[in-house]
């Protein structure tokens, strides 16, 4: 019984982490090409989390590819 409870807890925690990384990867495209040393990876991930939370808190506009001309701002 104890092992089943432990496995269930570990699986639910793992799914939460995987969903969080999936959300970050969808928002920040550069994470898809993520190839850093482990000691730097933690700092970069924390920075992306801070930016993500900033956008959630302050309602910042969605980011798009740089230098894209859309019909609304075309002259």
PDB file of N, CA and C in Angstrom:
ATOM      1  N   UNK A   1       0.826  -1.204   0.000  1.00  0.00           N
ATOM      2  CA  UNK A   1       0.000   0.000   0.000  1.00  0.00           C
ATOM      3  C   UNK A   1       0.869   1.267   0.000  1.00  0.00           C
ATOM      4  N   UNK A   2       1.947   1.280   0.791  1.00  0.00           N
ATOM      5  CA  UNK A   2       2.808   2.448   0.888  1.00  0.00           C
ATOM      6  C   UNK A   2       3.518   2.745  -0.416  1.00  0.00           C
ATOM      7  N   UNK A   3       3.974   1.675  -1.113  1.00  0.00           N
ATOM      8  CA  UNK A   3       4.667   1.863  -2.381  1.00  0.00           C
ATOM      9  C   UNK A   3       3.720   2.438  -3.428  1.00  0.00           C
ATOM     10  N   UNK A   4       2.481   1.985  -3.442  1.00  0.00           N
ATOM     11  CA  UNK A   4       1.501   2.500  -4.406  1.00  0.00           C
ATOM     12  C   UNK A   4       1.247   3.991  -4.166  1.00  0.00           C
ATOM     13  N   UNK A   5       1.123   4.382  -2.916  1.00  0.00           N
ATOM     14  CA  UNK A   5       0.897   5.802  -2.580  1.00  0.00           C
ATOM     15  C   UNK A   5       2.101   6.640  -2.981  1.00  0.00           C
ATOM     16  N   UNK A   6       3.303   6.110  -2.711  1.00  0.00           N
ATOM     17  CA  UNK A   6       4.532   6.814  -3.077  1.00  0.00           C
ATOM     18  C   UNK A   6       4.619   6.992  -4.598  1.00  0.00           C
ATOM     19  N   UNK A   7       4.380   5.908  -5.351  1.00  0.00           N
ATOM     20  CA  UNK A   7       4.428   5.972  -6.819  1.00  0.00           C
ATOM     21  C   UNK A   7       3.412   6.962  -7.363  1.00  0.00           C
ATOM     22  N   UNK A   8       2.228   6.960  -6.793  1.00  0.00           N
ATOM     23  CA  UNK A   8       1.182   7.885  -7.233  1.00  0.00           C
ATOM     24  C   UNK A   8       1.589   9.340  -6.988  1.00  0.00           C
ATOM     25  N   UNK A   9       2.166   9.595  -5.825  1.00  0.00           N
ATOM     26  CA  UNK A   9       2.617  10.959  -5.507  1.00  0.00           C
ATOM     27  C   UNK A   9       3.735  11.403  -6.439  1.00  0.00           C
ATOM     28  N   UNK A  10       4.675  10.500  -6.702  1.00  0.00           N
ATOM     29  CA  UNK A  10       5.790  10.831  -7.591  1.00  0.00           C
ATOM     30  C   UNK A  10       5.289  11.101  -9.012  1.00  0.00           C
ATOM     31  N   UNK A  11       4.358  10.302  -9.491  1.00  0.00           N
ATOM     32  CA  UNK A  11       3.834  10.496 -10.843  1.00  0.00           C
ATOM     33  C   UNK A  11       3.070  11.808 -10.970  1.00  0.00           C
ATOM     34  N   UNK A  12       2.276  12.155  -9.969  1.00  0.00           N
ATOM     35  CA  UNK A  12       1.525  13.413 -10.066  1.00  0.00           C
ATOM     36  C   UNK A  12       2.476  14.608 -10.003  1.00  0.00           C
ATOM     37  N   UNK A  13       3.513  14.532  -9.181  1.00  0.00           N
ATOM     38  CA  UNK A  13       4.505  15.606  -9.118  1.00  0.00           C
ATOM     39  C   UNK A  13       5.261  15.741 -10.427  1.00  0.00           C
ATOM     40  N   UNK A  14       5.623  14.610 -11.023  1.00  0.00           N
ATOM     41  CA  UNK A  14       6.343  14.619 -12.298  1.00  0.00           C
ATOM     42  C   UNK A  14       5.482  15.240 -13.394  1.00  0.00           C
ATOM     43  N   UNK A  15       4.193  14.925 -13.403  1.00  0.00           N
ATOM     44  CA  UNK A  15       3.306  15.500 -14.418  1.00  0.00           C
ATOM     45  C   UNK A  15       3.188  17.014 -14.278  1.00  0.00           C
ATOM     46  N   UNK A  16       3.152  17.498 -13.059  1.00  0.00           N
ATOM     47  CA  UNK A  16       3.076  18.947 -12.834  1.00  0.00           C
ATOM     48  C   UNK A  16       4.326  19.620 -13.385  1.00  0.00           C
ATOM     49  N   UNK A  17       5.492  19.045 -13.118  1.00  0.00           N
ATOM     50  CA  UNK A  17       6.756  19.609 -13.613  1.00  0.00           C
ATOM     51  C   UNK A  17       6.797  19.558 -15.141  1.00  0.00           C
ATOM     52  N   UNK A  18       6.392  18.437 -15.728  1.00  0.00           N
ATOM     53  CA  UNK A  18       6.400  18.322 -17.185  1.00  0.00           C
ATOM     54  C   UNK A  18       5.459  19.332 -17.827  1.00  0.00           C
ATOM     55  N   UNK A  19       4.292  19.546 -17.218  1.00  0.00           N
ATOM     56  CA  UNK A  19       3.351  20.542 -17.749  1.00  0.00           C
ATOM     57  C   UNK A  19       3.922  21.951 -17.643  1.00  0.00           C
ATOM     58  N   UNK A  20       4.616  22.225 -16.552  1.00  0.00           N
ATOM     59  CA  UNK A  20       5.216  23.553 -16.379  1.00  0.00           C
ATOM     60  C   UNK A  20       6.275  23.802 -17.449  1.00  0.00           C
ATOM     61  N   UNK A  21       7.135  22.806 -17.702  1.00  0.00           N
ATOM     62  CA  UNK A  21       8.153  22.971 -18.737  1.00  0.00           C
ATOM     63  C   UNK A  21       7.514  23.072 -20.121  1.00  0.00           C
ATOM     64  N   UNK A  22       6.442  22.324 -20.359  1.00  0.00           N
ATOM     65  CA  UNK A  22       5.738  22.419 -21.635  1.00  0.00           C
ATOM     66  C   UNK A  22       5.174  23.814 -21.850  1.00  0.00           C
ATOM     67  N   UNK A  23       4.614  24.392 -20.799  1.00  0.00           N
ATOM     68  CA  UNK A  23       4.081  25.747 -20.890  1.00  0.00           C
ATOM     69  C   UNK A  23       5.180  26.758 -21.178  1.00  0.00           C
ATOM     70  N   UNK A  24       6.306  26.623 -20.497  1.00  0.00           N
ATOM     71  CA  UNK A  24       7.424  27.527 -20.749  1.00  0.00           C
ATOM     72  C   UNK A  24       7.960  27.367 -22.164  1.00  0.00           C
ATOM     73  N   UNK A  25       8.058  26.133 -22.641  1.00  0.00           N
ATOM     74  CA  UNK A  25       8.570  25.900 -23.989  1.00  0.00           C
ATOM     75  C   UNK A  25       7.631  26.467 -25.043  1.00  0.00           C
ATOM     76  N   UNK A  26       6.330  26.433 -24.783  1.00  0.00           N
ATOM     77  CA  UNK A  26       5.384  27.025 -25.735  1.00  0.00           C
ATOM     78  C   UNK A  26       5.487  28.540 -25.760  1.00  0.00           C
ATOM     79  N   UNK A  27       5.736  29.139 -24.609  1.00  0.00           N
ATOM     80  CA  UNK A  27       5.808  30.595 -24.533  1.00  0.00           C
ATOM     81  C   UNK A  27       7.155  31.130 -25.009  1.00  0.00           C
ATOM     82  N   UNK A  28       8.224  30.452 -24.674  1.00  0.00           N
ATOM     83  CA  UNK A  28       9.577  30.899 -24.989  1.00  0.00           C
ATOM     84  C   UNK A  28      10.201  29.893 -25.957  1.00  0.00           C
ATOM     85  N   UNK A  29      10.133  30.189 -27.214  1.00  0.00           N
ATOM     86  CA  UNK A  29      10.580  29.262 -28.260  1.00  0.00           C
ATOM     87  C   UNK A  29      12.048  28.867 -28.128  1.00  0.00           C
ATOM     88  N   UNK A  30      12.868  29.724 -27.563  1.00  0.00           N
ATOM     89  CA  UNK A  30      14.291  29.402 -27.450  1.00  0.00           C
ATOM     90  C   UNK A  30      14.545  28.204 -26.540  1.00  0.00           C
ATOM     91  N   UNK A  31      13.603  27.876 -25.671  1.00  0.00           N
ATOM     92  CA  UNK A  31      13.786  26.709 -24.812  1.00  0.00           C
ATOM     93  C   UNK A  31      13.737  25.406 -25.606  1.00  0.00           C
ATOM     94  N   UNK A  32      13.174  25.443 -26.789  1.00  0.00           N
ATOM     95  CA  UNK A  32      13.144  24.233 -27.616  1.00  0.00           C
ATOM     96  C   UNK A  32      14.534  23.882 -28.115  1.00  0.00           C
ATOM     97  N   UNK A  33      15.404  24.867 -28.204  1.00  0.00           N
ATOM     98  CA  UNK A  33      16.773  24.656 -28.657  1.00  0.00           C
ATOM     99  C   UNK A  33      17.743  24.665 -27.478  1.00  0.00           C
ATOM    100  N   UNK A  34      17.226  24.410 -26.326  1.00  0.00           N
ATOM    101  CA  UNK A  34      17.959  24.507 -25.071  1.00  0.00           C
ATOM    102  C   UNK A  34      19.112  23.514 -25.056  1.00  0.00           C
ATOM    103  N   UNK A  35      20.337  24.024 -25.008  1.00  0.00           N
ATOM    104  CA  UNK A  35      21.513  23.169 -24.978  1.00  0.00           C
ATOM    105  C   UNK A  35      22.600  23.858 -24.160  1.00  0.00           C
ATOM    106  N   UNK A  36      22.455  23.793 -22.843  1.00  0.00           N
ATOM    107  CA  UNK A  36      23.417  24.430 -21.939  1.00  0.00           C
ATOM    108  C   UNK A  36      23.999  23.413 -20.976  1.00  0.00           C
ATOM    109  N   UNK A  37      25.108  23.792 -20.385  1.00  0.00           N
ATOM    110  CA  UNK A  37      25.655  22.975 -19.302  1.00  0.00           C
ATOM    111  C   UNK A  37      24.675  22.993 -18.136  1.00  0.00           C
ATOM    112  N   UNK A  38      24.695  21.944 -17.349  1.00  0.00           N
ATOM    113  CA  UNK A  38      23.744  21.798 -16.249  1.00  0.00           C
ATOM    114  C   UNK A  38      23.850  22.951 -15.262  1.00  0.00           C
ATOM    115  N   UNK A  39      25.063  23.427 -14.970  1.00  0.00           N
ATOM    116  CA  UNK A  39      25.219  24.502 -13.988  1.00  0.00           C
ATOM    117  C   UNK A  39      24.600  25.813 -14.468  1.00  0.00           C
ATOM    118  N   UNK A  40      24.531  26.026 -15.763  1.00  0.00           N
ATOM    119  CA  UNK A  40      23.896  27.237 -16.299  1.00  0.00           C
ATOM    120  C   UNK A  40      22.403  27.046 -16.558  1.00  0.00           C
ATOM    121  N   UNK A  41      21.996  25.827 -16.781  1.00  0.00           N
ATOM    122  CA  UNK A  41      20.597  25.543 -17.115  1.00  0.00           C
ATOM    123  C   UNK A  41      19.653  26.007 -16.011  1.00  0.00           C
ATOM    124  N   UNK A  42      20.010  25.778 -14.767  1.00  0.00           N
ATOM    125  CA  UNK A  42      19.139  26.173 -13.655  1.00  0.00           C
ATOM    126  C   UNK A  42      18.909  27.680 -13.643  1.00  0.00           C
ATOM    127  N   UNK A  43      19.945  28.464 -13.875  1.00  0.00           N
ATOM    128  CA  UNK A  43      19.802  29.931 -13.885  1.00  0.00           C
ATOM    129  C   UNK A  43      18.910  30.387 -15.037  1.00  0.00           C
ATOM    130  N   UNK A  44      19.078  29.782 -16.189  1.00  0.00           N
ATOM    131  CA  UNK A  44      18.280  30.167 -17.357  1.00  0.00           C
ATOM    132  C   UNK A  44      16.817  29.816 -17.133  1.00  0.00           C
ATOM    133  N   UNK A  45      16.551  28.643 -16.584  1.00  0.00           N
ATOM    134  CA  UNK A  45      15.173  28.235 -16.329  1.00  0.00           C
ATOM    135  C   UNK A  45      14.519  29.159 -15.311  1.00  0.00           C
ATOM    136  N   UNK A  46      15.241  29.517 -14.270  1.00  0.00           N
ATOM    137  CA  UNK A  46      14.698  30.453 -13.269  1.00  0.00           C
ATOM    138  C   UNK A  46      14.393  31.799 -13.931  1.00  0.00           C
ATOM    139  N   UNK A  47      15.266  32.262 -14.812  1.00  0.00           N
ATOM    140  CA  UNK A  47      15.027  33.538 -15.502  1.00  0.00           C
ATOM    141  C   UNK A  47      13.758  33.462 -16.350  1.00  0.00           C
ATOM    142  N   UNK A  48      13.570  32.364 -17.068  1.00  0.00           N
ATOM    143  CA  UNK A  48      12.350  32.204 -17.864  1.00  0.00           C
ATOM    144  C   UNK A  48      11.114  32.153 -16.968  1.00  0.00           C
ATOM    145  N   UNK A  49      11.217  31.503 -15.821  1.00  0.00           N
ATOM    146  CA  UNK A  49      10.088  31.453 -14.887  1.00  0.00           C
ATOM    147  C   UNK A  49       9.742  32.844 -14.368  1.00  0.00           C
ATOM    148  N   UNK A  50      10.758  33.646 -14.071  1.00  0.00           N
ATOM    149  CA  UNK A  50      10.524  35.016 -13.605  1.00  0.00           C
ATOM    150  C   UNK A  50       9.830  35.826 -14.700  1.00  0.00           C
ATOM    151  N   UNK A  51      10.310  35.717 -15.930  1.00  0.00           N
ATOM    152  CA  UNK A  51       9.673  36.431 -17.038  1.00  0.00           C
ATOM    153  C   UNK A  51       8.242  35.967 -17.259  1.00  0.00           C
ATOM    154  N   UNK A  52       8.032  34.670 -17.170  1.00  0.00           N
ATOM    155  CA  UNK A  52       6.686  34.112 -17.335  1.00  0.00           C
ATOM    156  C   UNK A  52       5.745  34.669 -16.264  1.00  0.00           C
ATOM    157  N   UNK A  53       6.192  34.672 -15.009  1.00  0.00           N
ATOM    158  CA  UNK A  53       5.358  35.188 -13.922  1.00  0.00           C
ATOM    159  C   UNK A  53       5.121  36.687 -14.061  1.00  0.00           C
ATOM    160  N   UNK A  54       6.110  37.409 -14.542  1.00  0.00           N
ATOM    161  CA  UNK A  54       5.942  38.837 -14.790  1.00  0.00           C
ATOM    162  C   UNK A  54       4.831  39.064 -15.814  1.00  0.00           C
ATOM    163  N   UNK A  55       4.862  38.298 -16.878  1.00  0.00           N
ATOM    164  CA  UNK A  55       3.829  38.430 -17.908  1.00  0.00           C
ATOM    165  C   UNK A  55       2.456  38.081 -17.361  1.00  0.00           C
ATOM    166  N   UNK A  56       2.368  37.061 -16.525  1.00  0.00           N
ATOM    167  CA  UNK A  56       1.080  36.699 -15.935  1.00  0.00           C
ATOM    168  C   UNK A  56       0.574  37.786 -14.995  1.00  0.00           C
ATOM    169  N   UNK A  57       1.467  38.324 -14.182  1.00  0.00           N
ATOM    170  CA  UNK A  57       1.077  39.313 -13.171  1.00  0.00           C
ATOM    171  C   UNK A  57       0.674  40.651 -13.790  1.00  0.00           C
ATOM    172  N   UNK A  58       1.420  41.115 -14.756  1.00  0.00           N
ATOM    173  CA  UNK A  58       1.212  42.452 -15.292  1.00  0.00           C
ATOM    174  C   UNK A  58       0.475  42.469 -16.618  1.00  0.00           C
ATOM    175  N   UNK A  59       0.070  41.338 -17.110  1.00  0.00           N
ATOM    176  CA  UNK A  59      -0.704  41.297 -18.345  1.00  0.00           C
ATOM    177  C   UNK A  59       0.056  41.830 -19.542  1.00  0.00           C
ATOM    178  N   UNK A  60       1.333  41.548 -19.585  1.00  0.00           N
ATOM    179  CA  UNK A  60       2.149  42.018 -20.702  1.00  0.00           C
ATOM    180  C   UNK A  60       1.653  41.417 -22.008  1.00  0.00           C
ATOM    181  N   UNK A  61       1.830  42.120 -23.104  1.00  0.00           N
ATOM    182  CA  UNK A  61       1.365  41.589 -24.392  1.00  0.00           C
ATOM    183  C   UNK A  61       2.103  40.312 -24.752  1.00  0.00           C
ATOM    184  N   UNK A  62       1.444  39.489 -25.538  1.00  0.00           N
ATOM    185  CA  UNK A  62       2.068  38.244 -25.985  1.00  0.00           C
ATOM    186  C   UNK A  62       3.246  38.564 -26.886  1.00  0.00           C
ATOM    187  N   UNK A  63       4.278  37.774 -26.755  1.00  0.00           N
ATOM    188  CA  UNK A  63       5.463  37.965 -27.569  1.00  0.00           C
ATOM    189  C   UNK A  63       5.291  37.268 -28.907  1.00  0.00           C
ATOM    190  N   UNK A  64       5.806  37.869 -29.944  1.00  0.00           N
ATOM    191  CA  UNK A  64       5.799  37.271 -31.262  1.00  0.00           C
ATOM    192  C   UNK A  64       7.181  37.345 -31.857  1.00  0.00           C
ATOM    193  N   UNK A  65       7.347  36.800 -33.027  1.00  0.00           N
ATOM    194  CA  UNK A  65       8.657  36.887 -33.667  1.00  0.00           C
ATOM    195  C   UNK A  65       9.051  38.344 -33.881  1.00  0.00           C
ATOM    196  N   UNK A  66      10.327  38.677 -33.778  1.00  0.00           N
ATOM    197  CA  UNK A  66      10.753  40.072 -33.937  1.00  0.00           C
ATOM    198  C   UNK A  66      10.591  40.547 -35.374  1.00  0.00           C
ATOM    199  N   UNK A  67      10.373  41.851 -35.516  1.00  0.00           N
ATOM    200  CA  UNK A  67      10.296  42.510 -36.821  1.00  0.00           C
ATOM    201  C   UNK A  67       9.233  41.940 -37.750  1.00  0.00           C
ATOM    202  N   UNK A  68       8.088  41.621 -37.209  1.00  0.00           N
ATOM    203  CA  UNK A  68       6.996  41.102 -38.029  1.00  0.00           C
ATOM    204  C   UNK A  68       6.018  42.238 -38.287  1.00  0.00           C
ATOM    205  N   UNK A  69       5.670  42.440 -39.527  1.00  0.00           N
ATOM    206  CA  UNK A  69       4.700  43.466 -39.884  1.00  0.00           C
ATOM    207  C   UNK A  69       3.346  42.800 -39.977  1.00  0.00           C
ATOM    208  N   UNK A  70       2.413  43.289 -39.168  1.00  0.00           N
ATOM    209  CA  UNK A  70       1.055  42.753 -39.213  1.00  0.00           C
ATOM    210  C   UNK A  70       0.150  43.769 -39.884  1.00  0.00           C
ATOM    211  N   UNK A  71      -1.001  43.343 -40.358  1.00  0.00           N
ATOM    212  CA  UNK A  71      -1.900  44.283 -41.037  1.00  0.00           C
ATOM    213  C   UNK A  71      -2.294  45.479 -40.180  1.00  0.00           C
ATOM    214  N   UNK A  72      -2.336  45.350 -38.847  1.00  0.00           N
ATOM    215  CA  UNK A  72      -2.728  46.457 -37.988  1.00  0.00           C
ATOM    216  C   UNK A  72      -1.696  47.572 -37.972  1.00  0.00           C
ATOM    217  N   UNK A  73      -0.400  47.245 -38.036  1.00  0.00           N
ATOM    218  CA  UNK A  73       0.604  48.300 -37.933  1.00  0.00           C
ATOM    219  C   UNK A  73       1.292  48.588 -39.281  1.00  0.00           C
ATOM    220  N   UNK A  74       0.746  48.079 -40.338  1.00  0.00           N
ATOM    221  CA  UNK A  74       1.297  48.316 -41.667  1.00  0.00           C
ATOM    222  C   UNK A  74       0.872  49.706 -42.133  1.00  0.00           C
ATOM    223  N   UNK A  75       1.763  50.442 -42.783  1.00  0.00           N
ATOM    224  CA  UNK A  75       1.434  51.799 -43.245  1.00  0.00           C
ATOM    225  C   UNK A  75       1.378  51.869 -44.731  1.00  0.00           C
TER     226      UNK A  75
END
